[in-house]
Amino acid sequence: MPERKSKRVSESIITMTELVLPHHTNQLGNLLGGQLMHWIDICAALAAGKHSQRVCVTASVDKIDFHEPIKLGDVVTLVASVNRAFKTSMEVGVKVHAENFSKGKCVHTNSAYLTFVSVDENNKPVETFGIIPETDEEKRRYEEALQRRQNRLESRRGGK
């Protein structure tokens, strides 16, 4: 069986920028969690699609950590990349930063891990490219992605 082609993590990076407007916020003037989850899902799907060169569908959302509130008027930057590719699925990590231009303040507000599956024209899962981590950070995320996958699979089997 031929070895599958692999791509570098850096080839999957997607950066999105959004401005928090009034219709994105709750009564406290904070970005709605659901709105941020929507942006995270889009950014991650684009990274998965860029890596696999296919349409990718969300299979799971492992974790979204909310570290800091994001306020009305903040500029939100989301950066997604594939952490690890399995046969048909990929774990994508997304880091979110909020910047207040008038205060000159930028903070890391959120981190998220999502799993996507590459699909063909009939919406059937298809094998995707492997991934090559190059930096120390990419290698760490690559190793941690395997542990998260094992935890997901264990949880589905009724384990943890």
C-alpha atoms as a PDB file:
ATOM      1  CA  MET A   1       0.000   0.000   0.000  1.00  0.00           C
ATOM      2  CA  PRO A   2       1.512   3.381  -0.949  1.00  0.00           C
ATOM      3  CA  GLU A   3       2.437   5.772   1.830  1.00  0.00           C
ATOM      4  CA  ARG A   4      -0.024   8.654   2.049  1.00  0.00           C
ATOM      5  CA  LYS A   5       1.137  12.143   1.219  1.00  0.00           C
ATOM      6  CA  SER A   6       1.699  14.518   4.132  1.00  0.00           C
ATOM      7  CA  LYS A   7       1.642  18.287   4.498  1.00  0.00           C
ATOM      8  CA  ARG A   8       3.252  20.639   6.995  1.00  0.00           C
ATOM      9  CA  VAL A   9       1.102  22.091   9.801  1.00  0.00           C
ATOM     10  CA  SER A  10       1.995  25.566   8.515  1.00  0.00           C
ATOM     11  CA  GLU A  11       0.149  24.786   5.274  1.00  0.00           C
ATOM     12  CA  SER A  12      -3.173  24.517   7.133  1.00  0.00           C
ATOM     13  CA  ILE A  13      -3.130  27.818   9.037  1.00  0.00           C
ATOM     14  CA  ILE A  14      -6.199  30.027   8.729  1.00  0.00           C
ATOM     15  CA  THR A  15      -6.519  33.458  10.358  1.00  0.00           C
ATOM     16  CA  MET A  16      -9.910  35.132  10.684  1.00  0.00           C
ATOM     17  CA  THR A  17     -10.663  38.582  12.068  1.00  0.00           C
ATOM     18  CA  GLU A  18     -14.067  39.699  13.340  1.00  0.00           C
ATOM     19  CA  LEU A  19     -15.327  42.927  14.907  1.00  0.00           C
ATOM     20  CA  VAL A  20     -17.684  42.499  17.882  1.00  0.00           C
ATOM     21  CA  LEU A  21     -20.827  44.456  17.039  1.00  0.00           C
ATOM     22  CA  PRO A  22     -23.928  45.054  19.199  1.00  0.00           C
ATOM     23  CA  HIS A  23     -25.865  42.130  17.694  1.00  0.00           C
ATOM     24  CA  HIS A  24     -23.014  39.789  18.770  1.00  0.00           C
ATOM     25  CA  THR A  25     -23.315  40.664  22.472  1.00  0.00           C
ATOM     26  CA  ASN A  26     -25.369  39.831  25.544  1.00  0.00           C
ATOM     27  CA  GLN A  27     -26.913  42.290  28.036  1.00  0.00           C
ATOM     28  CA  LEU A  28     -23.496  42.801  29.671  1.00  0.00           C
ATOM     29  CA  GLY A  29     -21.859  43.899  26.406  1.00  0.00           C
ATOM     30  CA  ASN A  30     -19.884  40.649  26.167  1.00  0.00           C
ATOM     31  CA  LEU A  31     -19.604  38.539  23.044  1.00  0.00           C
ATOM     32  CA  LEU A  32     -22.148  35.720  23.094  1.00  0.00           C
ATOM     33  CA  GLY A  33     -20.496  32.327  23.613  1.00  0.00           C
ATOM     34  CA  GLY A  34     -22.553  30.853  20.795  1.00  0.00           C
ATOM     35  CA  GLN A  35     -21.353  33.525  18.378  1.00  0.00           C
ATOM     36  CA  LEU A  36     -17.744  32.812  19.269  1.00  0.00           C
ATOM     37  CA  MET A  37     -18.366  29.067  18.865  1.00  0.00           C
ATOM     38  CA  HIS A  38     -19.775  29.775  15.391  1.00  0.00           C
ATOM     39  CA  TRP A  39     -16.643  31.719  14.411  1.00  0.00           C
ATOM     40  CA  ILE A  40     -14.408  29.004  15.874  1.00  0.00           C
ATOM     41  CA  ASP A  41     -16.240  26.304  13.892  1.00  0.00           C
ATOM     42  CA  ILE A  42     -15.882  28.245  10.631  1.00  0.00           C
ATOM     43  CA  CYS A  43     -12.190  28.987  11.164  1.00  0.00           C
ATOM     44  CA  ALA A  44     -11.454  25.362  12.102  1.00  0.00           C
ATOM     45  CA  ALA A  45     -13.448  24.020   9.128  1.00  0.00           C
ATOM     46  CA  LEU A  46     -11.441  26.236   6.787  1.00  0.00           C
ATOM     47  CA  ALA A  47      -8.144  24.957   8.239  1.00  0.00           C
ATOM     48  CA  ALA A  48      -9.318  21.334   7.877  1.00  0.00           C
ATOM     49  CA  GLY A  49     -10.484  22.006   4.314  1.00  0.00           C
ATOM     50  CA  LYS A  50      -7.237  23.732   3.406  1.00  0.00           C
ATOM     51  CA  HIS A  51      -5.275  20.747   4.723  1.00  0.00           C
ATOM     52  CA  SER A  52      -7.418  18.035   3.132  1.00  0.00           C
ATOM     53  CA  GLN A  53      -8.352  19.929  -0.038  1.00  0.00           C
ATOM     54  CA  ARG A  54     -11.903  18.740   0.554  1.00  0.00           C
ATOM     55  CA  VAL A  55     -15.083  19.782   2.260  1.00  0.00           C
ATOM     56  CA  CYS A  56     -14.817  18.890   5.932  1.00  0.00           C
ATOM     57  CA  VAL A  57     -17.609  18.405   8.436  1.00  0.00           C
ATOM     58  CA  THR A  58     -17.502  18.909  12.190  1.00  0.00           C
ATOM     59  CA  ALA A  59     -17.377  15.550  13.974  1.00  0.00           C
ATOM     60  CA  SER A  60     -16.880  16.821  17.518  1.00  0.00           C
ATOM     61  CA  VAL A  61     -15.996  19.789  19.647  1.00  0.00           C
ATOM     62  CA  ASP A  62     -13.804  18.614  22.506  1.00  0.00           C
ATOM     63  CA  LYS A  63     -13.227  21.679  24.481  1.00  0.00           C
ATOM     64  CA  ILE A  64     -13.598  25.421  24.378  1.00  0.00           C
ATOM     65  CA  ASP A  65     -11.988  27.281  27.262  1.00  0.00           C
ATOM     66  CA  PHE A  66     -13.213  30.785  28.045  1.00  0.00           C
ATOM     67  CA  HIS A  67     -10.348  32.657  29.753  1.00  0.00           C
ATOM     68  CA  GLU A  68     -11.457  36.293  29.392  1.00  0.00           C
ATOM     69  CA  PRO A  69     -14.652  38.071  28.291  1.00  0.00           C
ATOM     70  CA  ILE A  70     -14.653  39.647  24.846  1.00  0.00           C
ATOM     71  CA  LYS A  71     -16.286  43.073  24.794  1.00  0.00           C
ATOM     72  CA  LEU A  72     -18.332  45.096  22.325  1.00  0.00           C
ATOM     73  CA  GLY A  73     -15.925  46.839  19.941  1.00  0.00           C
ATOM     74  CA  ASP A  74     -13.099  44.336  20.435  1.00  0.00           C
ATOM     75  CA  VAL A  75     -11.360  42.910  17.379  1.00  0.00           C
ATOM     76  CA  VAL A  76     -11.300  39.122  17.573  1.00  0.00           C
ATOM     77  CA  THR A  77      -8.563  37.175  15.819  1.00  0.00           C
ATOM     78  CA  LEU A  78      -8.931  33.419  15.437  1.00  0.00           C
ATOM     79  CA  VAL A  79      -6.007  31.282  14.284  1.00  0.00           C
ATOM     80  CA  ALA A  80      -6.636  27.631  13.404  1.00  0.00           C
ATOM     81  CA  SER A  81      -4.356  24.840  12.249  1.00  0.00           C
ATOM     82  CA  VAL A  82      -4.453  21.067  12.014  1.00  0.00           C
ATOM     83  CA  ASN A  83      -2.802  19.548  15.087  1.00  0.00           C
ATOM     84  CA  ARG A  84      -2.884  15.952  13.868  1.00  0.00           C
ATOM     85  CA  ALA A  85      -4.398  14.017  10.979  1.00  0.00           C
ATOM     86  CA  PHE A  86      -5.648  10.480  11.361  1.00  0.00           C
ATOM     87  CA  LYS A  87      -7.099   8.387   8.514  1.00  0.00           C
ATOM     88  CA  THR A  88     -10.173  10.461   7.631  1.00  0.00           C
ATOM     89  CA  SER A  89     -10.298  12.814  10.599  1.00  0.00           C
ATOM     90  CA  MET A  90      -8.219  15.739  11.801  1.00  0.00           C
ATOM     91  CA  GLU A  91      -7.944  17.551  15.091  1.00  0.00           C
ATOM     92  CA  VAL A  92      -7.890  21.300  14.613  1.00  0.00           C
ATOM     93  CA  GLY A  93      -6.796  23.710  17.311  1.00  0.00           C
ATOM     94  CA  VAL A  94      -8.060  27.279  17.428  1.00  0.00           C
ATOM     95  CA  LYS A  95      -6.578  30.123  19.470  1.00  0.00           C
ATOM     96  CA  VAL A  96      -8.612  33.279  19.980  1.00  0.00           C
ATOM     97  CA  HIS A  97      -7.299  36.727  20.886  1.00  0.00           C
ATOM     98  CA  ALA A  98      -9.303  39.888  21.549  1.00  0.00           C
ATOM     99  CA  GLU A  99      -7.775  43.281  20.973  1.00  0.00           C
ATOM    100  CA  ASN A 100      -9.025  46.643  22.133  1.00  0.00           C
ATOM    101  CA  PHE A 101      -7.356  49.161  19.835  1.00  0.00           C
ATOM    102  CA  SER A 102      -8.130  52.231  21.978  1.00  0.00           C
ATOM    103  CA  LYS A 103      -6.590  50.621  25.081  1.00  0.00           C
ATOM    104  CA  GLY A 104      -3.745  48.979  23.161  1.00  0.00           C
ATOM    105  CA  LYS A 105      -4.566  45.702  24.882  1.00  0.00           C
ATOM    106  CA  CYS A 106      -4.555  42.212  23.326  1.00  0.00           C
ATOM    107  CA  VAL A 107      -5.431  39.116  25.363  1.00  0.00           C
ATOM    108  CA  HIS A 108      -5.680  35.386  24.695  1.00  0.00           C
ATOM    109  CA  THR A 109      -9.349  34.728  25.422  1.00  0.00           C
ATOM    110  CA  ASN A 110     -10.092  31.213  24.219  1.00  0.00           C
ATOM    111  CA  SER A 111      -8.695  27.912  23.048  1.00  0.00           C
ATOM    112  CA  ALA A 112     -10.647  25.169  21.316  1.00  0.00           C
ATOM    113  CA  TYR A 113     -10.149  21.679  19.895  1.00  0.00           C
ATOM    114  CA  LEU A 114     -12.421  20.320  17.183  1.00  0.00           C
ATOM    115  CA  THR A 115     -12.426  17.182  15.056  1.00  0.00           C
ATOM    116  CA  PHE A 116     -13.301  17.291  11.373  1.00  0.00           C
ATOM    117  CA  VAL A 117     -13.802  14.571   8.783  1.00  0.00           C
ATOM    118  CA  SER A 118     -12.961  14.933   5.092  1.00  0.00           C
ATOM    119  CA  VAL A 119     -15.864  13.923   2.877  1.00  0.00           C
ATOM    120  CA  ASP A 120     -16.306  13.203  -0.813  1.00  0.00           C
ATOM    121  CA  GLU A 121     -19.064  14.332  -3.188  1.00  0.00           C
ATOM    122  CA  ASN A 122     -21.423  11.767  -1.607  1.00  0.00           C
ATOM    123  CA  ASN A 123     -20.666  12.971   1.933  1.00  0.00           C
ATOM    124  CA  LYS A 124     -18.721   9.781   2.652  1.00  0.00           C
ATOM    125  CA  PRO A 125     -15.515   9.969   4.726  1.00  0.00           C
ATOM    126  CA  VAL A 126     -12.321   9.822   2.683  1.00  0.00           C
ATOM    127  CA  GLU A 127      -8.682   9.507   3.645  1.00  0.00           C
ATOM    128  CA  THR A 128      -6.897  12.781   4.203  1.00  0.00           C
ATOM    129  CA  PHE A 129      -3.253  13.844   4.046  1.00  0.00           C
ATOM    130  CA  GLY A 130      -0.916  13.161   6.933  1.00  0.00           C
ATOM    131  CA  ILE A 131       0.515  16.057   8.927  1.00  0.00           C
ATOM    132  CA  ILE A 132       4.128  17.015   9.575  1.00  0.00           C
ATOM    133  CA  PRO A 133       4.736  19.018  12.747  1.00  0.00           C
ATOM    134  CA  GLU A 134       7.945  21.047  12.531  1.00  0.00           C
ATOM    135  CA  THR A 135       8.209  23.440  15.474  1.00  0.00           C
ATOM    136  CA  ASP A 136       8.376  22.414  19.125  1.00  0.00           C
ATOM    137  CA  GLU A 137       4.874  23.848  19.639  1.00  0.00           C
ATOM    138  CA  GLU A 138       3.495  21.900  16.653  1.00  0.00           C
ATOM    139  CA  LYS A 139       5.140  18.692  17.935  1.00  0.00           C
ATOM    140  CA  ARG A 140       3.636  19.206  21.403  1.00  0.00           C
ATOM    141  CA  ARG A 141       0.154  19.778  19.943  1.00  0.00           C
ATOM    142  CA  TYR A 142       0.635  16.750  17.675  1.00  0.00           C
ATOM    143  CA  GLU A 143       1.385  14.479  20.652  1.00  0.00           C
ATOM    144  CA  GLU A 144      -1.391  15.926  22.808  1.00  0.00           C
ATOM    145  CA  ALA A 145      -3.901  15.447  19.963  1.00  0.00           C
ATOM    146  CA  LEU A 146      -3.350  11.686  20.101  1.00  0.00           C
ATOM    147  CA  GLN A 147      -4.137  11.648  23.830  1.00  0.00           C
ATOM    148  CA  ARG A 148      -7.299  13.719  23.286  1.00  0.00           C
ATOM    149  CA  ARG A 149      -8.374  11.333  20.517  1.00  0.00           C
ATOM    150  CA  GLN A 150      -7.827   8.334  22.780  1.00  0.00           C
ATOM    151  CA  ASN A 151      -9.885  10.060  25.487  1.00  0.00           C
ATOM    152  CA  ARG A 152     -12.691  10.764  22.992  1.00  0.00           C
ATOM    153  CA  LEU A 153     -12.767   7.161  21.801  1.00  0.00           C
ATOM    154  CA  GLU A 154     -12.700   5.872  25.385  1.00  0.00           C
ATOM    155  CA  SER A 155     -15.562   8.185  26.306  1.00  0.00           C
ATOM    156  CA  ARG A 156     -17.637   6.907  23.360  1.00  0.00           C
ATOM    157  CA  ARG A 157     -17.109   3.341  24.553  1.00  0.00           C
ATOM    158  CA  GLY A 158     -18.548   4.319  27.917  1.00  0.00           C
ATOM    159  CA  GLY A 159     -15.210   4.660  29.683  1.00  0.00           C
ATOM    160  CA  LYS A 160     -14.513   7.964  31.377  1.00  0.00           C
END
